[in-house]
Amino acid sequence: MGAADIVVQALESKIVRQKIGDYGKRVLKVKFEDRRTLTGNEQEGNGALALDWIWNQGERLIGFLLEKGAELIKFTFVTLWGLFVSTTQFIWNFDWNASDATLEQQINAKWDALGGMLGGTAGNLFGWIGCGLVPGALMLAVNEPLAAYIIQNVLEEMGEEVLANLAQLTNYMLQSTLQNLIVYSYINARKIIKANVGWVSLLFGDKLGQAALAWGNENSKPWSFASATEQFTESLPLGGLQNFVEEFAEEAWDGCVEAGYVVANSIDSFFAMEKLKQQKVPELGKTKYLEVTPNRENKEQRIILAGPQELVKQQVIATLADYQLMADKDVGVVYNFEPEKALNRTYKPHIILYFRESKEDFLARRKLDKKAWRGEGRISFRLMDKSTETITLDYVTQLANKIKAKFGNPPLQWNKGKLLYSYSDWEKGYQLKLLVNSESEALRMIEQILDLQSHSVDREKIQQSRNLLPEKAYDETPKKKTVLGKPIEPPVKRKEVKIKFIYSQLFLDGNLHPVTLYDRSKRFKDAIVRDNT
């Protein structure tokens, strides 16, 4: 029978549809079918069903966003510590002598930035709904499986992006609201004091009264805790005292912030674990840790298993079966190289040479660029013919004297730049990566380092890594971009700077503290070799 012999009216599917009649028409099942009566014009009913489905999905989406938004607003100790850190930095850099007009401009700028972020978040959500969910909903009239697939993917991607925007908006809103509240309170408090300057003069003297009257006038000299601290540091004599005060202040703040985050995160983790313990025991049971001794005659041979209780039971049976199968069997070892030629540098003695920009050069650059960072660098290599057990104090002293002679008197200068050169010689313990300003500078530094062990340079092992657009990737032209409504100036990559050797240390496996070989900075009191030895 050919295709021409098929009678359409005799097809079984056709007969079934005719018997079913109107009841065979497909109807969308939605949550809000009770919102309407299924009577009336058929086209109007189908349109109402589609609108009900869209309404249902929109309600679920809004509920999801509100639920996740509420989770973002939940305060954790990490969030509170971050808010404390940002507020402290704001107060530290706040200009206490700024006029009311200037402070009000700052407040309005923060509200304007918040409005911009709010508009961006709302616009992003609107775009996802209008160009993602709505087309998916309209696709229901054509292809339901395709529409469901589109909506699922759109919701997945939209959830990540919208929630990230909400988190960013929430953090900025908390910070800006708190900072504006501080500024508002400061303005009102200053107005009250200036309005009662007579009482101030009576209680504290005319001098202080005149100062209160001039407080916050236009063109007043700015004053902040940060600027006052910087002026105090710069007023100290150049040398060890000024370096100590400057480094102490910077490192104390950085250490406090990092330690605070560790403490806050530990508190949050502790409470989360306690909450987890109170939840129902999972179906596979609590987590168990089990020590198995497959051979009772060999007590030192133990196998540690961990996991849910029911799974651990199965692991014990499988482990014992594998042990019985593989016991006393020589399965061999597969290498893709000759084992005796394998090099292990991990536990070899490790030498690190530290470099830093001089105080004078840094201050000169700082006058031109207030945001300049002090240049630093380090170079390391390993002693492949030594080990922790075989290295001797005589050898270490000899190496320290050699470092002093070649790097300390006068201090070796490293001209850092934008060119990246590397020197790899694993057999001799070198895996050097140097940022320099020229090829000759790279060769000079490599020769100086290899000469410490009387090694000669193999030029075939020198490589240069190049960027296809170095003038754009490492451009030093000042640039600004807006982050969280505030203009910032990103740091310059691979900035050219001259740094000098300051000290070197030896790290030995198993030794908790490094051995200082030679120190120009007089920072380490236990250096093996000093400038006066």
Protein backbone atom coordinates (compact mmCIF):
# COMPACT_ATOMS: atom_id res chain seq x y z
CA MET A 1 0.00 0.00 0.00
CA GLY A 2 1.44 3.38 -1.03
CA ALA A 3 1.06 6.80 0.52
CA ALA A 4 -1.73 7.59 -1.93
CA ASP A 5 -3.83 4.68 -0.57
CA ILE A 6 -4.02 6.12 2.98
CA VAL A 7 -7.50 7.42 3.86
CA VAL A 8 -7.10 10.41 6.17
CA GLN A 9 -10.56 10.05 7.72
CA ALA A 10 -9.79 6.40 8.58
CA LEU A 11 -6.70 7.21 10.66
CA GLU A 12 -7.10 6.08 14.28
CA SER A 13 -5.84 9.41 15.66
CA LYS A 14 -8.40 11.26 13.55
CA ILE A 15 -11.21 9.04 14.79
CA VAL A 16 -10.18 9.50 18.45
CA ARG A 17 -10.09 13.30 18.11
CA GLN A 18 -13.57 13.32 16.54
CA LYS A 19 -14.96 11.25 19.39
CA ILE A 20 -13.40 13.48 22.05
CA GLY A 21 -14.66 16.67 20.47
CA ASP A 22 -14.04 19.92 22.34
CA TYR A 23 -12.70 18.03 25.34
CA GLY A 24 -9.62 17.08 23.35
CA LYS A 25 -8.40 20.65 23.07
CA ARG A 26 -5.24 21.35 25.03
CA VAL A 27 -5.65 23.73 27.99
CA LEU A 28 -2.84 25.47 29.87
CA LYS A 29 -2.91 24.48 33.55
CA VAL A 30 -1.99 27.48 35.62
CA LYS A 31 -2.19 28.47 39.24
CA PHE A 32 -4.78 31.20 38.76
CA GLU A 33 -7.49 29.29 36.80
CA ASP A 34 -9.91 30.17 39.61
CA ARG A 35 -9.54 33.87 38.74
CA ARG A 36 -11.82 33.46 35.74
CA THR A 37 -14.81 31.41 34.56
CA LEU A 38 -14.12 29.12 31.62
CA THR A 39 -17.19 30.39 29.78
CA GLY A 40 -17.47 32.97 27.11
CA ASN A 41 -15.63 33.45 23.87
CA GLU A 42 -12.98 30.75 23.28
CA GLN A 43 -10.28 33.15 22.11
CA GLU A 44 -10.88 35.43 25.06
CA GLY A 45 -10.57 32.43 27.43
CA ASN A 46 -7.26 31.32 25.93
CA GLY A 47 -5.89 34.86 26.19
CA ALA A 48 -6.95 35.08 29.83
CA LEU A 49 -5.21 31.79 30.55
CA ALA A 50 -1.97 33.05 28.99
CA LEU A 51 -2.22 36.29 31.00
CA ASP A 52 -2.87 34.27 34.15
CA TRP A 53 0.24 32.20 33.47
CA ILE A 54 2.33 35.36 32.99
CA TRP A 55 0.86 36.82 36.19
CA ASN A 56 1.73 33.62 38.06
CA GLN A 57 5.33 33.58 36.85
CA GLY A 58 5.73 37.29 37.64
CA GLU A 59 4.44 36.74 41.17
CA ARG A 60 6.86 33.85 41.67
CA LEU A 61 9.75 35.96 40.31
CA ILE A 62 8.98 38.90 42.61
CA GLY A 63 8.64 36.54 45.57
CA PHE A 64 12.00 34.95 44.73
CA LEU A 65 13.72 38.34 44.46
CA LEU A 66 12.18 39.55 47.74
CA GLU A 67 13.24 36.35 49.49
CA LYS A 68 16.83 36.60 48.22
CA GLY A 69 16.88 40.34 48.91
CA ALA A 70 15.89 39.67 52.51
CA GLU A 71 18.77 37.19 52.76
CA LEU A 72 21.17 39.89 51.54
CA ILE A 73 19.99 42.30 54.25
CA LYS A 74 20.64 39.73 56.99
CA PHE A 75 23.56 41.04 59.00
CA THR A 76 26.52 38.80 59.66
CA PHE A 77 29.57 39.61 61.74
CA VAL A 78 31.62 39.83 58.53
CA THR A 79 29.16 42.41 57.14
CA LEU A 80 29.24 44.41 60.38
CA TRP A 81 33.05 44.36 60.46
CA GLY A 82 33.21 45.50 56.83
CA LEU A 83 30.80 48.34 57.66
CA PHE A 84 32.95 49.29 60.67
CA VAL A 85 36.14 49.30 58.55
CA SER A 86 34.61 51.46 55.80
CA THR A 87 33.16 53.90 58.35
CA THR A 88 36.48 54.14 60.20
CA GLN A 89 38.31 54.88 56.94
CA PHE A 90 35.68 57.52 56.11
CA ILE A 91 36.13 59.25 59.50
CA TRP A 92 39.93 58.97 59.22
CA ASN A 93 39.97 60.80 55.85
CA PHE A 94 37.06 63.16 56.62
CA ASP A 95 37.83 66.91 56.30
CA TRP A 96 36.68 68.30 59.65
CA ASN A 97 37.23 71.88 58.48
CA ALA A 98 35.06 71.67 55.35
CA SER A 99 32.27 74.20 54.98
CA ASP A 100 28.58 73.28 55.29
CA ALA A 101 28.08 73.83 51.57
CA THR A 102 30.92 71.44 50.71
CA LEU A 103 29.59 68.78 53.07
CA GLU A 104 26.07 69.13 51.70
CA GLN A 105 27.48 68.69 48.20
CA GLN A 106 29.17 65.48 49.35
CA ILE A 107 25.89 64.25 50.82
CA ASN A 108 23.99 65.04 47.63
CA ALA A 109 26.68 63.35 45.56
CA LYS A 110 26.24 60.14 47.57
CA TRP A 111 22.45 60.25 47.16
CA ASP A 112 22.88 60.91 43.43
CA ALA A 113 25.25 57.96 43.13
CA LEU A 114 22.78 55.79 45.05
CA GLY A 115 20.01 56.89 42.69
CA GLY A 116 22.18 55.96 39.74
CA MET A 117 22.90 52.51 41.17
CA LEU A 118 19.22 51.99 41.98
CA GLY A 119 18.27 52.98 38.44
CA GLY A 120 20.92 50.66 37.00
CA THR A 121 19.67 47.73 39.10
CA ALA A 122 16.02 48.38 38.20
CA GLY A 123 16.91 48.86 34.53
CA ASN A 124 18.88 45.62 34.48
CA LEU A 125 15.90 43.75 35.99
CA PHE A 126 13.50 45.39 33.53
CA GLY A 127 15.75 44.43 30.62
CA TRP A 128 15.90 40.78 31.68
CA ILE A 129 12.12 40.65 32.10
CA GLY A 130 11.26 42.56 28.93
CA CYS A 131 13.76 40.88 26.61
CA GLY A 132 14.04 37.50 28.33
CA LEU A 133 10.94 36.39 30.23
CA VAL A 134 8.33 38.09 28.06
CA PRO A 135 9.60 36.50 24.79
CA GLY A 136 9.68 33.16 26.59
CA ALA A 137 6.09 33.63 27.75
CA LEU A 138 4.96 34.58 24.24
CA MET A 139 6.67 31.44 22.92
CA LEU A 140 4.10 29.39 24.89
CA ALA A 141 1.58 29.95 22.13
CA VAL A 142 3.96 28.35 19.60
CA ASN A 143 6.09 25.74 21.36
CA GLU A 144 5.61 25.01 25.08
CA PRO A 145 8.77 22.87 25.61
CA LEU A 146 10.91 25.51 23.90
CA ALA A 147 9.27 28.25 25.98
CA ALA A 148 9.92 26.36 29.22
CA TYR A 149 13.56 25.80 28.23
CA ILE A 150 14.03 29.50 27.40
CA ILE A 151 12.43 30.69 30.64
CA GLN A 152 14.49 28.25 32.73
CA ASN A 153 17.77 29.48 31.22
CA VAL A 154 16.75 33.14 31.47
CA LEU A 155 15.76 32.79 35.13
CA GLU A 156 19.03 31.02 35.91
CA GLU A 157 21.23 33.73 34.38
CA MET A 158 19.02 36.58 35.56
CA GLY A 159 19.08 35.34 39.14
CA GLU A 160 22.88 35.47 39.33
CA GLU A 161 23.21 38.93 37.77
CA VAL A 162 20.27 40.58 39.53
CA LEU A 163 21.27 39.19 42.95
CA ALA A 164 24.84 40.43 42.45
CA ASN A 165 23.48 43.91 41.62
CA LEU A 166 21.21 43.81 44.68
CA ALA A 167 24.11 42.83 46.93
CA GLN A 168 26.23 45.67 45.57
CA LEU A 169 23.35 48.13 45.94
CA THR A 170 22.62 46.99 49.51
CA ASN A 171 26.24 47.38 50.64
CA TYR A 172 26.59 50.83 49.11
CA MET A 173 23.22 51.93 50.53
CA LEU A 174 24.27 50.92 54.05
CA GLN A 175 27.65 52.63 53.79
CA SER A 176 26.35 55.84 52.19
CA THR A 177 23.40 56.10 54.62
CA LEU A 178 25.67 55.72 57.66
CA GLN A 179 28.26 58.15 56.30
CA ASN A 180 25.60 60.74 55.41
CA LEU A 181 24.09 60.36 58.89
CA ILE A 182 27.51 61.11 60.40
CA VAL A 183 27.94 64.18 58.18
CA TYR A 184 24.38 65.44 58.95
CA SER A 185 25.01 65.07 62.69
CA TYR A 186 28.36 66.84 62.38
CA ILE A 187 26.84 69.80 60.47
CA ASN A 188 24.03 70.24 63.04
CA ALA A 189 26.42 69.92 66.00
CA ARG A 190 28.73 72.54 64.51
CA LYS A 191 25.78 74.89 63.89
CA ILE A 192 24.72 74.57 67.55
CA ILE A 193 28.27 75.34 68.76
CA LYS A 194 28.62 78.36 66.45
CA ALA A 195 25.20 79.63 67.51
CA ASN A 196 26.35 79.60 71.14
CA VAL A 197 29.87 80.91 70.56
CA GLY A 198 29.40 83.31 73.47
CA TRP A 199 29.16 80.41 75.91
CA VAL A 200 32.22 78.84 74.30
CA SER A 201 34.22 82.06 74.84
CA LEU A 202 32.97 82.32 78.40
CA LEU A 203 33.87 78.74 79.30
CA PHE A 204 37.04 78.19 77.26
CA GLY A 205 38.34 81.66 76.46
CA ASP A 206 38.09 84.16 73.62
CA LYS A 207 40.75 82.40 71.55
CA LEU A 208 38.75 79.21 71.35
CA GLY A 209 35.59 81.20 70.78
CA GLN A 210 37.13 82.92 67.73
CA ALA A 211 38.30 79.54 66.45
CA ALA A 212 34.78 78.14 66.85
CA LEU A 213 33.37 81.13 64.98
CA ALA A 214 35.77 80.57 62.05
CA TRP A 215 35.21 76.82 62.10
CA GLY A 216 34.13 75.58 58.69
CA ASN A 217 34.26 78.91 56.89
CA GLU A 218 34.82 79.00 53.14
CA ASN A 219 38.47 78.55 52.00
CA SER A 220 39.45 77.10 55.39
CA LYS A 221 42.55 74.91 55.43
CA PRO A 222 41.54 71.24 55.22
CA TRP A 223 42.23 69.09 58.28
CA SER A 224 41.79 65.35 58.74
CA PHE A 225 43.27 62.65 60.93
CA ALA A 226 45.04 61.22 57.87
CA SER A 227 46.67 64.52 56.88
CA ALA A 228 47.65 65.29 60.48
CA THR A 229 49.27 61.86 60.86
CA GLU A 230 51.13 62.28 57.58
CA GLN A 231 52.41 65.70 58.61
CA PHE A 232 53.56 64.30 61.96
CA THR A 233 55.41 61.43 60.26
CA GLU A 234 57.11 63.75 57.77
CA SER A 235 58.18 66.05 60.60
CA LEU A 236 60.23 63.26 62.17
CA PRO A 237 63.96 63.02 61.30
CA LEU A 238 64.65 61.03 58.15
CA GLY A 239 65.94 57.58 58.93
CA GLY A 240 65.03 54.72 61.20
CA LEU A 241 62.52 56.55 63.43
CA GLN A 242 60.45 57.90 60.54
CA ASN A 243 60.52 54.51 58.78
CA PHE A 244 59.48 52.79 62.01
CA VAL A 245 56.51 55.09 62.63
CA GLU A 246 55.32 54.95 59.01
CA GLU A 247 55.61 51.18 58.66
CA PHE A 248 54.18 50.57 62.13
CA ALA A 249 51.04 52.60 61.37
CA GLU A 250 50.44 50.95 57.98
CA GLU A 251 51.07 47.38 59.08
CA ALA A 252 49.12 47.82 62.35
CA TRP A 253 46.00 48.91 60.44
CA ASP A 254 46.33 46.19 57.79
CA GLY A 255 46.89 43.54 60.44
CA CYS A 256 43.92 44.75 62.49
CA VAL A 257 41.58 44.65 59.46
CA GLU A 258 42.69 41.16 58.42
CA ALA A 259 42.48 39.82 61.98
CA GLY A 260 39.02 41.34 62.37
CA TYR A 261 37.77 39.56 59.26
CA VAL A 262 39.21 36.27 60.55
CA VAL A 263 37.45 36.73 63.92
CA ALA A 264 34.15 37.75 62.31
CA ASN A 265 34.24 34.86 59.83
CA SER A 266 35.05 32.44 62.66
CA ILE A 267 32.03 33.64 64.65
CA ASP A 268 29.74 33.29 61.61
CA SER A 269 31.11 29.81 60.85
CA PHE A 270 30.68 28.71 64.47
CA PHE A 271 27.03 29.77 64.62
CA ALA A 272 26.37 28.20 61.21
CA MET A 273 27.80 24.86 62.39
CA GLU A 274 25.79 25.02 65.60
CA LYS A 275 22.64 25.66 63.59
CA LEU A 276 23.51 22.76 61.30
CA LYS A 277 23.86 20.43 64.28
CA GLN A 278 20.29 21.21 65.34
CA GLN A 279 18.87 20.18 61.98
CA LYS A 280 17.46 16.73 61.29
CA VAL A 281 19.89 13.88 60.79
CA PRO A 282 20.20 13.14 57.03
CA GLU A 283 18.80 9.90 55.61
CA LEU A 284 22.28 8.41 55.23
CA GLY A 285 23.08 9.09 58.88
CA LYS A 286 25.56 11.32 60.64
CA THR A 287 29.10 11.75 59.40
CA LYS A 288 31.34 9.02 60.81
CA TYR A 289 35.12 8.64 60.93
CA LEU A 290 36.36 5.05 60.99
CA GLU A 291 39.83 3.52 61.30
CA VAL A 292 40.15 0.08 59.69
CA THR A 293 43.01 -2.37 60.35
CA PRO A 294 42.78 -4.90 57.49
CA ASN A 295 45.61 -7.05 58.85
CA ARG A 296 45.47 -7.67 62.61
CA GLU A 297 49.07 -8.84 62.62
CA ASN A 298 50.21 -5.47 61.25
CA LYS A 299 48.85 -2.84 63.62
CA GLU A 300 50.68 0.00 61.85
CA GLN A 301 48.77 -0.56 58.61
CA ARG A 302 45.58 1.47 58.95
CA ILE A 303 42.97 2.89 56.57
CA ILE A 304 40.91 5.96 57.50
CA LEU A 305 37.36 6.19 56.13
CA ALA A 306 34.92 9.10 56.51
CA GLY A 307 31.41 9.88 55.30
CA PRO A 308 27.71 9.34 56.09
CA GLN A 309 27.11 6.29 58.26
CA GLU A 310 25.35 4.17 55.62
CA LEU A 311 27.97 4.91 52.97
CA VAL A 312 30.83 4.16 55.37
CA LYS A 313 29.38 0.68 55.95
CA GLN A 314 29.61 0.00 52.22
CA GLN A 315 33.11 1.51 52.05
CA VAL A 316 34.35 -0.85 54.78
CA ILE A 317 33.18 -3.91 52.82
CA ALA A 318 34.65 -2.62 49.53
CA THR A 319 37.95 -1.63 51.19
CA LEU A 320 38.45 -5.02 52.82
CA ALA A 321 37.58 -6.77 49.55
CA ASP A 322 40.12 -4.65 47.64
CA TYR A 323 42.76 -5.33 50.28
CA GLN A 324 42.25 -9.09 50.07
CA LEU A 325 42.38 -8.90 46.28
CA MET A 326 45.56 -6.83 46.07
CA ALA A 327 47.42 -8.16 49.12
CA ASP A 328 50.92 -9.43 48.36
CA LYS A 329 50.53 -8.44 44.71
CA ASP A 330 53.25 -6.46 42.94
CA VAL A 331 51.26 -4.14 40.65
CA GLY A 332 54.35 -2.11 39.71
CA VAL A 333 54.76 1.64 39.18
CA VAL A 334 54.32 3.51 35.90
CA TYR A 335 56.63 6.46 35.13
CA ASN A 336 56.70 8.70 32.08
CA PHE A 337 60.38 9.41 32.83
CA GLU A 338 63.29 7.64 34.45
CA PRO A 339 62.67 7.85 38.26
CA GLU A 340 66.35 8.27 39.11
CA LYS A 341 66.42 11.42 36.95
CA ALA A 342 63.42 13.03 38.61
CA LEU A 343 64.22 16.32 40.35
CA ASN A 344 62.54 17.37 43.57
CA ARG A 345 63.22 20.99 44.51
CA THR A 346 60.53 21.26 47.17
CA TYR A 347 62.71 20.54 50.20
CA LYS A 348 65.98 22.02 48.96
CA PRO A 349 67.44 25.05 50.83
CA HIS A 350 65.75 28.20 49.54
CA ILE A 351 67.54 31.58 49.20
CA ILE A 352 65.46 34.78 48.85
CA LEU A 353 66.97 38.20 48.02
CA TYR A 354 64.78 41.20 48.94
CA PHE A 355 64.87 44.59 47.19
CA ARG A 356 63.17 47.87 48.04
CA GLU A 357 63.03 51.45 46.76
CA SER A 358 65.09 53.89 48.82
CA LYS A 359 63.28 56.34 51.06
CA GLU A 360 64.62 59.36 49.17
CA ASP A 361 63.53 58.06 45.74
CA PHE A 362 60.11 57.12 47.06
CA LEU A 363 59.50 60.53 48.66
CA ALA A 364 60.56 62.24 45.42
CA ARG A 365 58.03 60.17 43.46
CA ARG A 366 55.40 60.71 46.15
CA LYS A 367 55.59 64.46 45.64
CA LEU A 368 54.60 63.97 42.00
CA ASP A 369 52.11 61.20 42.64
CA LYS A 370 50.37 61.14 46.04
CA LYS A 371 49.06 57.62 45.40
CA ALA A 372 52.45 56.13 44.52
CA TRP A 373 53.43 52.84 46.17
CA ARG A 374 56.92 52.09 47.36
CA GLY A 375 58.68 49.82 44.87
CA GLU A 376 59.60 46.32 46.07
CA GLY A 377 60.85 43.03 44.59
CA ARG A 378 62.38 39.70 45.47
CA ILE A 379 64.41 37.01 43.71
CA SER A 380 64.78 33.41 44.90
CA PHE A 381 66.67 30.25 43.96
CA ARG A 382 67.45 26.88 45.55
CA LEU A 383 70.70 25.12 46.48
CA MET A 384 70.30 21.83 44.61
CA ASP A 385 73.58 20.31 45.84
CA LYS A 386 72.65 20.85 49.50
CA SER A 387 69.95 19.62 51.84
CA THR A 388 68.70 20.51 55.29
CA GLU A 389 70.85 17.76 56.77
CA THR A 390 74.05 18.34 54.77
CA ILE A 391 74.29 22.16 54.70
CA THR A 392 76.83 23.53 57.19
CA LEU A 393 77.22 26.82 59.04
CA ASP A 394 80.59 27.41 57.35
CA TYR A 395 78.97 27.16 53.92
CA VAL A 396 76.11 29.45 54.95
CA THR A 397 78.56 32.04 56.33
CA GLN A 398 80.60 31.87 53.13
CA LEU A 399 77.46 32.38 51.03
CA ALA A 400 76.35 35.30 53.25
CA ASN A 401 79.73 37.03 52.79
CA LYS A 402 79.45 36.53 49.05
CA ILE A 403 75.99 38.12 49.03
CA LYS A 404 77.35 41.04 51.05
CA ALA A 405 80.24 41.55 48.64
CA LYS A 406 78.16 41.37 45.45
CA PHE A 407 74.83 42.84 46.59
CA GLY A 408 75.55 44.95 49.66
CA ASN A 409 78.68 47.08 49.10
CA PRO A 410 77.46 49.14 47.32
CA PRO A 411 73.81 47.95 47.27
CA LEU A 412 72.90 46.31 43.97
CA GLN A 413 70.27 48.30 42.07
CA TRP A 414 67.54 46.51 40.13
CA ASN A 415 65.97 48.64 37.38
CA LYS A 416 62.45 47.25 37.23
CA GLY A 417 60.47 47.92 34.06
CA LYS A 418 57.82 46.56 31.75
CA LEU A 419 59.80 43.72 30.09
CA LEU A 420 59.46 40.22 31.56
CA TYR A 421 62.45 37.88 31.24
CA SER A 422 62.81 34.39 32.71
CA TYR A 423 65.74 32.04 33.28
CA SER A 424 64.96 28.34 33.90
CA ASP A 425 67.58 25.80 34.94
CA TRP A 426 65.90 23.28 37.23
CA GLU A 427 68.98 21.14 37.68
CA LYS A 428 70.79 24.10 39.27
CA GLY A 429 67.75 25.42 41.17
CA TYR A 430 66.90 28.49 39.06
CA GLN A 431 63.39 29.54 38.02
CA LEU A 432 63.88 33.29 37.76
CA LYS A 433 61.30 35.81 36.56
CA LEU A 434 62.51 39.41 36.27
CA LEU A 435 60.73 42.62 35.30
CA VAL A 436 63.37 44.90 33.80
CA ASN A 437 63.68 47.92 31.55
CA SER A 438 66.01 46.35 28.97
CA GLU A 439 67.55 43.08 27.78
CA SER A 440 70.99 44.10 29.06
CA GLU A 441 69.51 44.72 32.53
CA ALA A 442 67.98 41.21 32.55
CA LEU A 443 71.32 39.66 31.58
CA ARG A 444 73.17 41.70 34.23
CA MET A 445 70.82 40.61 37.02
CA ILE A 446 70.92 36.93 35.97
CA GLU A 447 74.72 36.99 35.92
CA GLN A 448 74.87 38.54 39.40
CA ILE A 449 72.55 35.89 40.85
CA LEU A 450 74.25 32.89 39.20
CA ASP A 451 77.68 34.17 40.23
CA LEU A 452 76.77 33.58 43.88
CA GLN A 453 77.23 29.84 43.18
CA SER A 454 79.93 30.35 40.50
CA HIS A 455 77.51 29.28 37.77
CA SER A 456 77.76 30.61 34.22
CA VAL A 457 74.76 31.89 32.27
CA ASP A 458 73.33 29.67 29.51
CA ARG A 459 71.66 32.14 27.14
CA GLU A 460 69.55 29.40 25.58
CA LYS A 461 67.61 29.25 28.84
CA ILE A 462 66.68 32.95 28.80
CA GLN A 463 63.15 33.65 27.57
CA GLN A 464 61.20 36.88 27.07
CA SER A 465 57.41 37.11 27.47
CA ARG A 466 55.85 39.86 25.38
CA ASN A 467 52.45 41.51 25.39
CA LEU A 468 50.90 42.15 21.96
CA LEU A 469 49.95 45.71 22.97
CA PRO A 470 52.43 46.76 25.70
CA GLU A 471 51.85 50.48 25.16
CA LYS A 472 48.19 49.96 26.06
CA ALA A 473 48.51 47.21 28.68
CA TYR A 474 51.18 49.05 30.70
CA ASP A 475 50.30 52.67 29.92
CA GLU A 476 51.35 55.03 32.73
CA THR A 477 48.94 57.80 31.72
CA PRO A 478 46.67 58.53 34.74
CA LYS A 479 43.24 57.04 34.21
CA LYS A 480 40.11 57.15 36.30
CA LYS A 481 37.06 54.93 36.51
CA THR A 482 33.96 54.99 38.70
CA VAL A 483 33.51 52.21 41.26
CA LEU A 484 30.44 52.26 43.53
CA GLY A 485 29.81 55.85 42.54
CA LYS A 486 33.30 57.02 43.48
CA PRO A 487 36.09 57.97 41.04
CA ILE A 488 39.25 55.92 41.58
CA GLU A 489 42.61 55.80 39.82
CA PRO A 490 43.72 52.20 39.11
CA PRO A 491 47.39 51.42 39.85
CA VAL A 492 49.84 51.38 36.96
CA LYS A 493 51.01 47.91 35.97
CA ARG A 494 54.75 47.30 35.73
CA LYS A 495 55.71 50.83 36.69
CA GLU A 496 59.37 51.60 36.09
CA VAL A 497 61.17 52.03 39.41
CA LYS A 498 64.68 51.60 40.81
CA ILE A 499 64.94 49.30 43.80
CA LYS A 500 67.99 48.31 45.85
CA PHE A 501 68.99 45.18 47.73
CA ILE A 502 68.16 45.30 51.47
CA TYR A 503 68.51 41.77 52.95
CA SER A 504 68.60 38.04 52.16
CA GLN A 505 67.28 34.99 54.01
CA LEU A 506 67.72 31.20 53.91
CA PHE A 507 64.69 28.93 54.35
CA LEU A 508 65.30 25.32 55.46
CA ASP A 509 62.72 22.54 55.52
CA GLY A 510 61.60 21.82 59.07
CA ASN A 511 62.96 25.11 60.40
CA LEU A 512 60.11 27.38 61.48
CA HIS A 513 62.08 30.61 61.21
CA PRO A 514 64.23 31.76 58.27
CA VAL A 515 67.96 32.32 58.71
CA THR A 516 68.93 35.92 57.90
CA LEU A 517 72.14 35.81 55.89
CA TYR A 518 72.88 39.51 55.39
CA ASP A 519 70.86 42.61 56.29
CA ARG A 520 71.53 46.20 55.21
CA SER A 521 68.35 47.55 56.78
CA LYS A 522 69.39 46.60 60.34
CA ARG A 523 65.92 45.14 60.74
CA PHE A 524 67.13 41.70 61.83
CA LYS A 525 69.40 41.48 64.87
CA ASP A 526 70.40 37.86 64.27
CA ALA A 527 71.90 38.24 60.77
CA ILE A 528 74.92 36.02 60.17
CA VAL A 529 76.83 38.81 58.39
CA ARG A 530 76.49 42.54 59.05
CA ASP A 531 78.03 45.65 57.54
CA ASN A 532 80.50 45.90 60.44
CA THR A 533 81.66 42.25 60.22
